[in-house]
C-alpha atoms as a PDB file:
ATOM      1  CA  MET A   1      -0.125   0.277  -0.127  1.00  0.00           C
ATOM      2  CA  ARG A   2       0.998   3.699  -0.619  1.00  0.00           C
ATOM      3  CA  HIS A   3      -0.169   5.515   2.336  1.00  0.00           C
ATOM      4  CA  ARG A   4       2.010   8.541   2.617  1.00  0.00           C
ATOM      5  CA  LYS A   5       4.061   8.702   0.069  1.00  0.00           C
ATOM      6  CA  ARG A   6       3.579  11.640  -1.616  1.00  0.00           C
ATOM      7  CA  THR A   7       6.601  11.783  -4.456  1.00  0.00           C
ATOM      8  CA  VAL A   8       4.395  11.887  -8.130  1.00  0.00           C
ATOM      9  CA  LYS A   9       7.258   9.119  -9.647  1.00  0.00           C
ATOM     10  CA  LEU A  10       6.509  10.140 -12.860  1.00  0.00           C
ATOM     11  CA  GLY A  11       8.333   6.766 -14.603  1.00  0.00           C
ATOM     12  CA  ARG A  12      11.906   8.210 -13.586  1.00  0.00           C
ATOM     13  CA  THR A  13      14.588   7.957 -11.394  1.00  0.00           C
ATOM     14  CA  SER A  14      14.600  10.402  -8.612  1.00  0.00           C
ATOM     15  CA  SER A  15      17.316  11.840  -9.680  1.00  0.00           C
ATOM     16  CA  HIS A  16      16.187  12.205 -13.321  1.00  0.00           C
ATOM     17  CA  ARG A  17      12.558  13.368 -11.763  1.00  0.00           C
ATOM     18  CA  ASP A  18      14.773  16.185  -9.751  1.00  0.00           C
ATOM     19  CA  ALA A  19      16.291  17.436 -12.491  1.00  0.00           C
ATOM     20  CA  LEU A  20      13.442  17.199 -14.401  1.00  0.00           C
ATOM     21  CA  LEU A  21      11.537  19.210 -11.857  1.00  0.00           C
ATOM     22  CA  ALA A  22      14.188  22.203 -11.497  1.00  0.00           C
ATOM     23  CA  GLY A  23      14.470  22.662 -15.161  1.00  0.00           C
ATOM     24  CA  LEU A  24      10.271  23.624 -15.395  1.00  0.00           C
ATOM     25  CA  VAL A  25      10.893  25.175 -12.544  1.00  0.00           C
ATOM     26  CA  CYS A  26      13.665  27.305 -13.936  1.00  0.00           C
ATOM     27  CA  ASN A  27      11.788  28.040 -17.135  1.00  0.00           C
ATOM     28  CA  LEU A  28       8.209  28.811 -15.226  1.00  0.00           C
ATOM     29  CA  ILE A  29      10.927  31.412 -13.222  1.00  0.00           C
ATOM     30  CA  LYS A  30      12.257  32.976 -16.273  1.00  0.00           C
ATOM     31  CA  ALA A  31       8.989  32.303 -18.943  1.00  0.00           C
ATOM     32  CA  ARG A  32       6.632  33.030 -16.451  1.00  0.00           C
ATOM     33  CA  ARG A  33       4.069  30.155 -18.341  1.00  0.00           C
ATOM     34  CA  ILE A  34       5.094  27.425 -19.647  1.00  0.00           C
ATOM     35  CA  THR A  35       2.974  24.506 -20.973  1.00  0.00           C
ATOM     36  CA  THR A  36       3.359  20.779 -19.736  1.00  0.00           C
ATOM     37  CA  THR A  37       1.666  17.586 -18.945  1.00  0.00           C
ATOM     38  CA  LEU A  38      -0.812  17.616 -16.379  1.00  0.00           C
ATOM     39  CA  PRO A  39       1.300  15.412 -14.230  1.00  0.00           C
ATOM     40  CA  LYS A  40       4.438  17.638 -14.109  1.00  0.00           C
ATOM     41  CA  ALA A  41       2.354  20.371 -13.765  1.00  0.00           C
ATOM     42  CA  LYS A  42       0.797  19.013 -10.764  1.00  0.00           C
ATOM     43  CA  ALA A  43       4.450  17.956  -9.495  1.00  0.00           C
ATOM     44  CA  VAL A  44       6.089  21.325  -9.860  1.00  0.00           C
ATOM     45  CA  ARG A  45       3.889  23.148  -8.281  1.00  0.00           C
ATOM     46  CA  SER A  46       4.630  22.307  -5.194  1.00  0.00           C
ATOM     47  CA  LEU A  47       8.429  22.872  -5.557  1.00  0.00           C
ATOM     48  CA  ALA A  48       7.689  26.569  -7.459  1.00  0.00           C
ATOM     49  CA  GLU A  49       5.796  27.366  -4.285  1.00  0.00           C
ATOM     50  CA  LYS A  50       8.277  26.738  -2.040  1.00  0.00           C
ATOM     51  CA  SER A  51      11.184  27.997  -4.119  1.00  0.00           C
ATOM     52  CA  VAL A  52       8.545  31.263  -3.499  1.00  0.00           C
ATOM     53  CA  THR A  53       8.928  30.967  -0.004  1.00  0.00           C
ATOM     54  CA  PHE A  54      12.927  31.001  -0.294  1.00  0.00           C
ATOM     55  CA  GLY A  55      12.386  33.930  -2.677  1.00  0.00           C
ATOM     56  CA  LYS A  56      10.383  35.471   0.416  1.00  0.00           C
ATOM     57  CA  LYS A  57      12.724  34.883   3.152  1.00  0.00           C
ATOM     58  CA  GLY A  58      15.844  36.505   0.933  1.00  0.00           C
ATOM     59  CA  THR A  59      18.044  35.109   3.474  1.00  0.00           C
ATOM     60  CA  VAL A  60      21.827  33.949   2.297  1.00  0.00           C
ATOM     61  CA  ALA A  61      20.758  30.288   3.405  1.00  0.00           C
ATOM     62  CA  ALA A  62      18.067  30.748   1.416  1.00  0.00           C
ATOM     63  CA  ARG A  63      19.229  31.827  -1.781  1.00  0.00           C
ATOM     64  CA  ARG A  64      21.661  28.449  -1.382  1.00  0.00           C
ATOM     65  CA  GLN A  65      18.886  26.313  -0.419  1.00  0.00           C
ATOM     66  CA  ALA A  66      16.963  27.866  -3.776  1.00  0.00           C
ATOM     67  CA  VAL A  67      20.474  27.306  -5.646  1.00  0.00           C
ATOM     68  CA  ALA A  68      20.865  24.053  -4.584  1.00  0.00           C
ATOM     69  CA  ARG A  69      17.591  22.738  -5.837  1.00  0.00           C
ATOM     70  CA  LEU A  70      17.011  24.321  -8.675  1.00  0.00           C
ATOM     71  CA  ARG A  71      20.582  24.547  -9.983  1.00  0.00           C
ATOM     72  CA  GLN A  72      20.297  27.677 -11.802  1.00  0.00           C
ATOM     73  CA  ASP A  73      21.740  30.887 -10.447  1.00  0.00           C
ATOM     74  CA  GLU A  74      20.497  33.204 -13.271  1.00  0.00           C
ATOM     75  CA  ALA A  75      16.856  31.573 -12.440  1.00  0.00           C
ATOM     76  CA  VAL A  76      17.044  32.024  -8.643  1.00  0.00           C
ATOM     77  CA  GLN A  77      18.351  35.885  -9.380  1.00  0.00           C
ATOM     78  CA  ILE A  78      15.138  36.437 -11.337  1.00  0.00           C
ATOM     79  CA  LEU A  79      13.004  34.527  -8.434  1.00  0.00           C
ATOM     80  CA  PHE A  80      14.654  36.501  -5.421  1.00  0.00           C
ATOM     81  CA  GLU A  81      14.907  39.934  -7.494  1.00  0.00           C
ATOM     82  CA  LYS A  82      11.798  39.838  -9.002  1.00  0.00           C
ATOM     83  CA  ILE A  83       9.312  37.162  -8.634  1.00  0.00           C
ATOM     84  CA  ALA A  84       9.631  36.816  -4.557  1.00  0.00           C
ATOM     85  CA  PRO A  85       8.875  40.676  -4.202  1.00  0.00           C
ATOM     86  CA  SER A  86       5.711  40.186  -6.076  1.00  0.00           C
ATOM     87  CA  PHE A  87       4.221  37.703  -3.670  1.00  0.00           C
ATOM     88  CA  ALA A  88       5.318  39.756  -0.868  1.00  0.00           C
ATOM     89  CA  ASP A  89       1.440  39.941   0.683  1.00  0.00           C
ATOM     90  CA  ARG A  90       0.484  36.560  -0.723  1.00  0.00           C
ATOM     91  CA  ALA A  91       0.512  33.901   1.651  1.00  0.00           C
ATOM     92  CA  GLY A  92       0.754  30.965  -0.533  1.00  0.00           C
ATOM     93  CA  GLY A  93      -1.240  30.349  -3.779  1.00  0.00           C
ATOM     94  CA  TYR A  94       1.573  31.121  -6.055  1.00  0.00           C
ATOM     95  CA  THR A  95       0.702  29.314  -9.330  1.00  0.00           C
ATOM     96  CA  ARG A  96      -2.177  28.182 -11.181  1.00  0.00           C
ATOM     97  CA  ILE A  97      -2.740  25.365 -13.616  1.00  0.00           C
ATOM     98  CA  THR A  98      -5.112  25.414 -16.414  1.00  0.00           C
ATOM     99  CA  ARG A  99      -6.296  22.430 -18.019  1.00  0.00           C
ATOM    100  CA  LEU A 100      -5.796  22.418 -21.961  1.00  0.00           C
ATOM    101  CA  GLY A 101      -7.150  19.121 -22.533  1.00  0.00           C
ATOM    102  CA  ARG A 102      -5.334  16.317 -24.763  1.00  0.00           C
ATOM    103  CA  ARG A 103      -2.020  16.270 -26.696  1.00  0.00           C
ATOM    104  CA  GLY A 104      -2.810  14.842 -30.244  1.00  0.00           C
ATOM    105  CA  SER A 105      -0.107  13.008 -30.450  1.00  0.00           C
ATOM    106  CA  ASP A 106      -0.277  10.721 -27.633  1.00  0.00           C
ATOM    107  CA  SER A 107      -3.736  11.611 -25.747  1.00  0.00           C
ATOM    108  CA  SER A 108      -1.788  13.136 -22.849  1.00  0.00           C
ATOM    109  CA  ASP A 109      -3.539  15.487 -20.555  1.00  0.00           C
ATOM    110  CA  MET A 110      -1.858  18.827 -21.146  1.00  0.00           C
ATOM    111  CA  ALA A 111      -1.829  22.064 -18.740  1.00  0.00           C
ATOM    112  CA  ILE A 112      -0.459  25.861 -18.511  1.00  0.00           C
ATOM    113  CA  LEU A 113       1.141  26.485 -15.660  1.00  0.00           C
ATOM    114  CA  GLU A 114       1.748  30.285 -14.974  1.00  0.00           C
ATOM    115  CA  TRP A 115       2.352  32.641 -11.580  1.00  0.00           C
ATOM    116  CA  VAL A 116      -0.953  34.086 -10.403  1.00  0.00           C
ATOM    117  CA  ASN A 117      -0.208  37.630 -11.049  1.00  0.00           C
ATOM    118  CA  PHE A 118       1.190  36.594 -14.449  1.00  0.00           C
ATOM    119  CA  VAL A 119      -1.090  38.799 -16.705  1.00  0.00           C
ATOM    120  CA  PRO A 120       0.076  38.331 -20.741  1.00  0.00           C
ATOM    121  CA  GLN A 121       0.916  40.974 -23.198  1.00  0.00           C
ATOM    122  CA  ALA A 122      -1.776  41.424 -26.142  1.00  0.00           C
ATOM    123  CA  PRO A 123       0.178  40.247 -29.472  1.00  0.00           C
ATOM    124  CA  ARG A 124       1.496  42.306 -31.758  1.00  0.00           C
ATOM    125  CA  LYS A 125      -0.372  43.776 -34.476  1.00  0.00           C
ATOM    126  CA  LYS A 126       1.033  43.526 -37.559  1.00  0.00           C
ATOM    127  CA  LYS A 127       1.500  46.876 -39.435  1.00  0.00           C
ATOM    128  CA  ALA A 128      -0.178  47.334 -42.706  1.00  0.00           C
ATOM    129  CA  LYS A 129       1.754  47.971 -46.185  1.00  0.00           C
ATOM    130  CA  PRO A 130       1.399  51.230 -47.914  1.00  0.00           C
ATOM    131  CA  GLU A 131      -0.474  50.009 -51.221  1.00  0.00           C
ATOM    132  CA  LYS A 132       1.676  50.038 -54.147  1.00  0.00           C
ATOM    133  CA  THR A 133      -0.140  53.118 -56.383  1.00  0.00           C
ATOM    134  CA  GLU A 134      -0.348  52.585 -60.043  1.00  0.00           C
ATOM    135  CA  GLN A 135       3.112  53.645 -61.159  1.00  0.00           C
ATOM    136  CA  GLN A 136       5.313  51.906 -58.111  1.00  0.00           C
ATOM    137  CA  GLN A 137       3.593  48.014 -59.627  1.00  0.00           C
ATOM    138  CA  PRO A 138       5.983  46.902 -62.150  1.00  0.00           C
ATOM    139  CA  VAL A 139       4.935  46.055 -65.712  1.00  0.00           C
ATOM    140  CA  ALA A 140       4.632  42.352 -66.764  1.00  0.00           C
ATOM    141  CA  LYS A 141       6.597  41.511 -69.094  1.00  0.00           C
ATOM    142  CA  GLU A 142       5.082  39.192 -72.440  1.00  0.00           C
ATOM    143  CA  LYS A 143       5.914  35.485 -72.405  1.00  0.00           C
ATOM    144  CA  LYS A 144       7.966  34.582 -75.675  1.00  0.00           C
ATOM    145  CA  GLY A 145       6.373  31.175 -75.492  1.00  0.00           C
ATOM    146  CA  LYS A 146       5.789  28.680 -78.396  1.00  0.00           C
ATOM    147  CA  LYS A 147       2.468  30.994 -78.846  1.00  0.00           C
ATOM    148  CA  ALA A 148       4.064  33.762 -79.048  1.00  0.00           C
ATOM    149  CA  LYS A 149       6.464  32.809 -81.939  1.00  0.00           C
ATOM    150  CA  SER A 150       3.867  31.195 -84.088  1.00  0.00           C
ATOM    151  CA  GLU A 151       1.567  34.556 -83.364  1.00  0.00           C
ATOM    152  CA  GLY A 152       4.129  36.103 -84.602  1.00  0.00           C
ATOM    153  CA  LYS A 153       4.793  34.544 -88.006  1.00  0.00           C
ATOM    154  CA  ALA A 154       1.287  34.562 -88.348  1.00  0.00           C
ATOM    155  CA  GLU A 155       1.331  38.253 -88.068  1.00  0.00           C
ATOM    156  CA  ALA A 156       4.012  38.770 -90.737  1.00  0.00           C
ATOM    157  CA  ALA A 157       2.768  36.273 -92.991  1.00  0.00           C
ATOM    158  CA  LYS A 158      -0.466  38.286 -93.445  1.00  0.00           C
ATOM    159  CA  LYS A 159       1.714  41.390 -94.040  1.00  0.00           C
END
């Protein structure tokens, strides 16, 4: 029986699982939103929220613990300088999981994992190209194919 065994194994060894989850959390920190499978998103959520708690403490010891778990200094720096201060007045629940449905190739449940305070930017509109005037449009050249040659010969014979 698996009573009180909370670890989601994800079909991987412990070292592979730790590396996978650390990589996903670092991508979440850098990109603010990631798309992954639902079981991975649920496993990453707890590690991400614990990392924000480290960032809110802001001590040297907390920073070292975060580096030990996440293994990327750049991500830890972003976590401590940008993400953790934005959650200073919030007591937990820093991430949101939105279900997307099933992936077409293998029918896995997909989800978006994002920070609660993440606001996506509106897509940029493409600049409208100025319409070409008649003077700017190139003149089409006549084709000199078999028909053009035969028509030319027919006109010459008529004269």
